[in-house]
Amino acid sequence: MHLDLNLLTALDALLEEGSVAGAAERLHVTAPAMSRTLGRIRRATGDQILVRTGRSMTPTPHAVALHARVHELVQQAQALLSPERDVELSTLERTFTLRWHDALTMAYGPALLTAVRAQAPGVRLRFLPEASADTNELRRGEVDLEAGAAVPQLPEVRHELVGEGRLVIALRPGHALTEGELTPARYAAAEHITVSRRGRLVDPIDDLLAKRDLRREVAVAAPTIAVALQLARLSDLVVTVPDVASQSLLVDFGLESLPLPFELPPVEIRLAWHQRYDGDPAHSWLRDQARAVLQNAQEALVSPSRR
């Protein structure tokens, strides 16, 4: 089938304006020409698209369902074919899909959203939960930007280290671990929560403790840090979380934090994206915003003893 992609532009104008005359004026063509184009769109889609109701025209249910998708396709095509590589943020309309570690989303998603909305009010963000298994969503274009600790394995996925964190113990005020010297043995003897998308009751901390002939008592696995913090808030359970959460989330949950009684390698925080977006000015701008938010957060977390 021969496809005339100009019909997408015309369809977008018709759905945005809600009339043949308005769409014709918007695209600088005559009303009869736009009326003929509407006829071609009707034949191509098998739908009336716009039907007359009195002196106005009303979109059909199929047209309403198509509206947002058609508009986004037209915007993407214009960005793809435009020789201008600068992006006009005040008029940018685009939806970015982000898959971030849930601690990063909770702690810094609001700051990213504030920065994005202040510069580009037409941009929308879709935060997705982490997948329960490794996926190729960056390759397939289903996710625009990832943030987490993992190093991507696909060669076409770019990644950038934007900061490092450490693990801390989150627990309710007055918990027994807050009194006296915290030793690895006392830490292991406490009742623990693991954070696992797959419901795992062990994690790399258990391997480290096993080398010391210690074993944690794990009472429950939580799917997200938010759930784990809520459980810790209402019980004597403790959870070990990245300190990127301690700046604001622990305060929000009314929890305290303690350093681990043993050394662990730092937790790396990386941004990852597919190489297809290297030259995309809007995506580059989004990466700049995410990088700034995460790096500012890292600077706020660094205490004088860790500088």
Protein backbone atom coordinates (compact mmCIF):
# COMPACT_ATOMS: atom_id res chain seq x y z
CA MET A 1 0.00 0.00 0.00
CA HIS A 2 1.31 3.42 -0.96
CA LEU A 3 1.38 5.68 2.10
CA ASP A 4 1.28 9.47 1.89
CA LEU A 5 2.76 10.66 5.15
CA ASN A 6 1.48 14.17 4.43
CA LEU A 7 -1.88 12.80 5.52
CA LEU A 8 -0.54 12.54 9.07
CA THR A 9 0.19 16.28 9.13
CA ALA A 10 -3.25 17.05 7.76
CA LEU A 11 -4.92 14.67 10.21
CA ASP A 12 -3.04 16.28 13.09
CA ALA A 13 -4.22 19.73 12.00
CA LEU A 14 -7.82 18.56 11.58
CA LEU A 15 -7.90 16.99 15.03
CA GLU A 16 -6.20 19.95 16.65
CA GLU A 17 -8.45 22.56 15.00
CA GLY A 18 -11.65 20.51 14.88
CA SER A 19 -12.66 21.96 11.52
CA VAL A 20 -11.71 21.89 7.85
CA ALA A 21 -11.43 25.67 7.67
CA GLY A 22 -9.20 25.87 10.75
CA ALA A 23 -6.93 23.10 9.51
CA ALA A 24 -6.70 24.72 6.06
CA GLU A 25 -5.67 28.05 7.60
CA ARG A 26 -3.12 26.34 9.82
CA LEU A 27 -1.48 24.52 6.88
CA HIS A 28 -1.85 27.46 4.47
CA VAL A 29 -4.04 25.63 1.96
CA THR A 30 -7.53 26.31 0.66
CA ALA A 31 -10.60 24.92 2.40
CA PRO A 32 -11.59 22.84 -0.68
CA ALA A 33 -8.11 21.33 -0.78
CA MET A 34 -8.32 20.41 2.90
CA SER A 35 -11.79 18.97 2.35
CA ARG A 36 -10.39 16.70 -0.37
CA THR A 37 -7.56 15.69 1.97
CA LEU A 38 -10.11 14.79 4.64
CA GLY A 39 -11.77 12.55 2.07
CA ARG A 40 -8.46 10.79 1.43
CA ILE A 41 -7.92 10.36 5.20
CA ARG A 42 -11.40 8.85 5.51
CA ARG A 43 -10.66 6.36 2.77
CA ALA A 44 -7.28 5.48 4.25
CA THR A 45 -8.58 4.97 7.80
CA GLY A 46 -12.03 3.62 7.01
CA ASP A 47 -13.45 6.15 9.48
CA GLN A 48 -15.27 9.48 9.11
CA ILE A 49 -12.76 11.18 11.49
CA LEU A 50 -14.88 14.37 11.73
CA VAL A 51 -18.67 14.43 11.45
CA ARG A 52 -20.84 17.50 11.19
CA THR A 53 -23.04 18.36 14.17
CA GLY A 54 -24.93 21.56 13.41
CA ARG A 55 -22.43 24.25 12.44
CA SER A 56 -19.43 22.48 13.98
CA MET A 57 -17.62 19.21 13.46
CA THR A 58 -17.14 16.50 16.09
CA PRO A 59 -14.35 13.89 16.08
CA THR A 60 -15.41 10.27 16.00
CA PRO A 61 -14.36 7.93 18.84
CA HIS A 62 -11.66 6.51 16.56
CA ALA A 63 -10.33 10.02 15.90
CA VAL A 64 -10.26 10.80 19.61
CA ALA A 65 -8.27 7.62 20.23
CA LEU A 66 -5.81 8.56 17.49
CA HIS A 67 -5.37 12.21 18.44
CA ALA A 68 -2.49 12.08 20.93
CA ARG A 69 -0.60 9.41 19.00
CA VAL A 70 -0.88 11.25 15.68
CA HIS A 71 0.27 14.51 17.27
CA GLU A 72 3.30 12.83 18.80
CA LEU A 73 4.21 11.15 15.50
CA VAL A 74 4.07 14.47 13.67
CA GLN A 75 6.26 16.12 16.32
CA GLN A 76 8.80 13.32 16.07
CA ALA A 77 8.85 13.49 12.25
CA GLN A 78 9.40 17.23 12.34
CA ALA A 79 12.26 16.83 14.81
CA LEU A 80 13.78 14.06 12.67
CA LEU A 81 13.72 16.01 9.42
CA SER A 82 14.43 19.48 10.74
CA PRO A 83 17.89 20.85 9.89
CA GLU A 84 17.76 22.96 13.05
CA ARG A 85 19.46 21.13 15.90
CA ASP A 86 18.47 23.55 18.66
CA VAL A 87 15.36 22.78 20.65
CA GLU A 88 12.77 25.38 21.60
CA LEU A 89 11.95 24.25 25.12
CA SER A 90 9.00 26.58 25.64
CA THR A 91 7.11 24.89 22.78
CA LEU A 92 8.56 21.38 23.03
CA GLU A 93 5.87 18.72 23.30
CA ARG A 94 7.24 15.27 24.00
CA THR A 95 6.83 12.35 26.36
CA PHE A 96 9.95 10.77 27.83
CA THR A 97 9.85 7.33 29.43
CA LEU A 98 12.27 6.78 32.31
CA ARG A 99 13.09 3.59 34.14
CA TRP A 100 14.91 4.53 37.34
CA HIS A 101 15.77 2.66 40.51
CA ASP A 102 12.82 3.32 42.80
CA ALA A 103 15.02 5.03 45.44
CA LEU A 104 16.17 7.52 42.81
CA THR A 105 12.64 8.06 41.55
CA MET A 106 11.28 8.71 45.02
CA ALA A 107 14.15 10.90 46.18
CA TYR A 108 14.89 12.87 43.02
CA GLY A 109 11.98 12.38 40.63
CA PRO A 110 10.21 15.48 42.05
CA ALA A 111 13.32 17.64 41.52
CA LEU A 112 13.67 16.41 37.93
CA LEU A 113 10.00 17.04 37.23
CA THR A 114 10.27 20.57 38.66
CA ALA A 115 13.32 21.35 36.51
CA VAL A 116 11.72 19.94 33.37
CA ARG A 117 8.37 21.69 33.86
CA ALA A 118 10.04 25.04 34.56
CA GLN A 119 11.80 24.98 31.18
CA ALA A 120 9.52 22.84 29.00
CA PRO A 121 5.92 22.77 30.30
CA GLY A 122 4.84 20.68 27.31
CA VAL A 123 7.14 17.79 28.23
CA ARG A 124 5.67 14.80 30.08
CA LEU A 125 7.61 12.20 32.06
CA ARG A 126 6.62 8.55 32.44
CA PHE A 127 8.43 6.85 35.32
CA LEU A 128 8.29 3.06 35.03
CA PRO A 129 9.09 0.59 37.82
CA GLU A 130 12.20 -1.48 37.43
CA ALA A 131 11.66 -4.67 35.48
CA SER A 132 11.85 -8.02 37.25
CA ALA A 133 14.40 -9.17 34.67
CA ASP A 134 16.90 -7.59 32.30
CA THR A 135 15.16 -6.25 29.21
CA ASN A 136 16.06 -4.65 25.88
CA GLU A 137 13.70 -1.71 26.28
CA LEU A 138 16.42 0.84 25.55
CA ARG A 139 17.22 -1.00 22.31
CA ARG A 140 13.55 -1.21 21.34
CA GLY A 141 12.96 2.48 22.10
CA GLU A 142 10.42 1.73 24.84
CA VAL A 143 12.55 3.50 27.48
CA ASP A 144 14.42 6.76 26.86
CA LEU A 145 16.61 7.02 29.95
CA GLU A 146 17.57 4.62 32.71
CA ALA A 147 19.18 5.41 36.06
CA GLY A 148 20.53 2.84 38.46
CA ALA A 149 23.60 0.90 39.54
CA ALA A 150 23.88 -1.65 36.74
CA VAL A 151 26.39 -1.33 33.92
CA PRO A 152 24.54 -1.92 30.61
CA GLN A 153 25.80 -4.90 28.62
CA LEU A 154 24.53 -3.94 25.15
CA PRO A 155 27.31 -2.28 23.11
CA GLU A 156 24.93 0.30 21.59
CA VAL A 157 23.77 1.55 25.00
CA ARG A 158 25.67 4.58 26.26
CA HIS A 159 26.16 4.97 30.00
CA GLU A 160 27.68 7.59 32.23
CA LEU A 161 28.70 7.54 35.89
CA VAL A 162 26.97 10.47 37.59
CA GLY A 163 27.62 9.68 41.22
CA GLU A 164 28.23 7.17 43.95
CA GLY A 165 26.34 6.25 47.08
CA ARG A 166 26.77 4.06 50.10
CA LEU A 167 24.49 1.69 51.91
CA VAL A 168 23.09 2.67 55.30
CA ILE A 169 20.80 1.00 57.82
CA ALA A 170 17.31 2.48 58.08
CA LEU A 171 15.46 1.86 61.34
CA ARG A 172 12.87 3.41 63.62
CA PRO A 173 13.94 5.91 66.32
CA GLY A 174 14.79 4.17 69.58
CA HIS A 175 15.66 0.87 67.93
CA ALA A 176 18.06 -1.28 69.99
CA LEU A 177 20.77 -0.97 67.30
CA THR A 178 20.99 2.78 67.97
CA GLU A 179 22.36 2.10 71.47
CA GLY A 180 25.91 1.00 72.12
CA GLU A 181 28.54 -0.10 69.63
CA LEU A 182 27.18 -1.49 66.39
CA THR A 183 29.16 -4.59 65.44
CA PRO A 184 28.71 -6.91 62.43
CA ALA A 185 27.34 -9.55 64.82
CA ARG A 186 24.69 -7.19 66.26
CA TYR A 187 23.76 -6.08 62.75
CA ALA A 188 23.34 -9.68 61.59
CA ALA A 189 21.30 -10.63 64.66
CA ALA A 190 18.66 -7.96 63.97
CA GLU A 191 15.57 -8.88 61.94
CA HIS A 192 15.96 -7.62 58.39
CA ILE A 193 13.99 -6.62 55.31
CA THR A 194 15.43 -7.25 51.86
CA VAL A 195 14.42 -5.14 48.88
CA SER A 196 13.91 -7.33 45.83
CA ARG A 197 11.70 -7.05 42.78
CA ARG A 198 11.76 -10.85 42.62
CA GLY A 199 11.06 -11.49 46.29
CA ARG A 200 14.55 -12.72 47.11
CA LEU A 201 15.36 -13.15 50.79
CA VAL A 202 19.13 -12.88 50.28
CA ASP A 203 21.38 -10.34 48.58
CA PRO A 204 25.15 -9.64 48.30
CA ILE A 205 25.29 -8.47 51.94
CA ASP A 206 24.58 -12.04 53.00
CA ASP A 207 27.59 -13.26 51.03
CA LEU A 208 29.79 -10.73 52.81
CA LEU A 209 28.45 -11.74 56.22
CA ALA A 210 28.96 -15.42 55.42
CA LYS A 211 32.69 -14.72 55.05
CA ARG A 212 32.57 -13.58 58.68
CA ASP A 213 30.62 -16.71 59.67
CA LEU A 214 27.54 -14.55 60.24
CA ARG A 215 24.00 -14.98 58.98
CA ARG A 216 21.22 -12.40 58.85
CA GLU A 217 17.72 -13.07 60.07
CA VAL A 218 15.59 -11.94 57.12
CA ALA A 219 11.91 -11.70 58.00
CA VAL A 220 10.42 -10.32 54.80
CA ALA A 221 11.24 -9.28 51.22
CA ALA A 222 9.73 -6.00 49.99
CA PRO A 223 9.31 -5.17 46.28
CA THR A 224 10.38 -1.51 46.63
CA ILE A 225 12.27 0.70 49.03
CA ALA A 226 9.06 2.59 49.82
CA VAL A 227 7.39 -0.59 51.04
CA ALA A 228 10.51 -1.56 52.99
CA LEU A 229 10.70 1.81 54.74
CA GLN A 230 7.03 1.61 55.68
CA LEU A 231 7.58 -1.83 57.19
CA ALA A 232 10.62 -0.57 59.11
CA ARG A 233 8.66 2.43 60.37
CA LEU A 234 6.01 0.21 61.94
CA SER A 235 8.22 -2.54 63.38
CA ASP A 236 11.62 -3.48 64.79
CA LEU A 237 12.76 -4.64 61.35
CA VAL A 238 15.72 -2.90 59.74
CA VAL A 239 16.49 -2.42 56.05
CA THR A 240 19.75 -1.60 54.33
CA VAL A 241 19.23 1.04 51.63
CA PRO A 242 21.32 3.38 49.46
CA ASP A 243 22.10 6.66 51.21
CA VAL A 244 20.57 8.51 48.25
CA ALA A 245 17.32 7.74 50.06
CA SER A 246 18.49 8.99 53.46
CA GLN A 247 18.55 12.69 52.59
CA SER A 248 14.79 13.03 52.27
CA LEU A 249 13.00 9.69 52.29
CA LEU A 250 14.07 8.62 55.76
CA VAL A 251 12.91 11.96 57.12
CA ASP A 252 9.59 11.56 55.33
CA PHE A 253 9.13 8.11 56.87
CA GLY A 254 10.27 9.23 60.32
CA LEU A 255 13.27 6.89 60.28
CA GLU A 256 16.90 7.19 61.32
CA SER A 257 20.00 5.85 59.60
CA LEU A 258 23.20 4.23 60.80
CA PRO A 259 26.39 3.45 58.88
CA LEU A 260 27.11 -0.20 58.24
CA PRO A 261 29.62 -1.74 60.67
CA PHE A 262 31.77 -2.99 57.79
CA GLU A 263 33.08 -1.65 54.51
CA LEU A 264 31.28 -2.17 51.21
CA PRO A 265 32.20 -0.88 47.75
CA PRO A 266 30.31 2.31 46.81
CA VAL A 267 27.05 1.98 44.90
CA GLU A 268 27.48 3.52 41.47
CA ILE A 269 24.72 5.63 39.94
CA ARG A 270 24.64 5.57 36.14
CA LEU A 271 22.52 7.12 33.43
CA ALA A 272 21.98 4.92 30.37
CA TRP A 273 20.44 5.59 26.96
CA HIS A 274 20.53 4.17 23.45
CA GLN A 275 23.04 5.63 21.01
CA ARG A 276 20.22 6.62 18.64
CA TYR A 277 19.63 9.61 20.93
CA ASP A 278 23.21 10.90 20.88
CA GLY A 279 22.30 13.62 18.39
CA ASP A 280 18.78 14.29 19.65
CA PRO A 281 18.81 17.81 21.17
CA ALA A 282 15.70 17.24 23.28
CA HIS A 283 17.06 13.99 24.70
CA SER A 284 20.42 15.64 25.31
CA TRP A 285 18.64 18.38 27.27
CA LEU A 286 16.78 15.76 29.34
CA ARG A 287 20.08 14.01 30.12
CA ASP A 288 21.52 17.35 31.24
CA GLN A 289 18.59 17.87 33.61
CA ALA A 290 18.84 14.36 35.05
CA ARG A 291 22.61 14.62 35.41
CA ALA A 292 22.34 17.96 37.23
CA VAL A 293 19.65 16.69 39.62
CA LEU A 294 21.58 13.54 40.52
CA GLN A 295 24.95 15.27 40.83
CA ASN A 296 23.49 18.04 43.00
CA ALA A 297 22.02 15.33 45.21
CA GLN A 298 25.43 13.69 45.50
CA GLU A 299 27.05 16.94 46.55
CA ALA A 300 24.41 17.42 49.22
CA LEU A 301 25.10 13.92 50.58
CA VAL A 302 28.87 14.31 50.86
CA SER A 303 29.71 15.16 54.47
CA PRO A 304 33.01 16.85 55.47
CA SER A 305 34.33 13.46 56.63
CA ARG A 306 33.76 11.99 53.17
CA ARG A 307 35.11 14.86 51.03
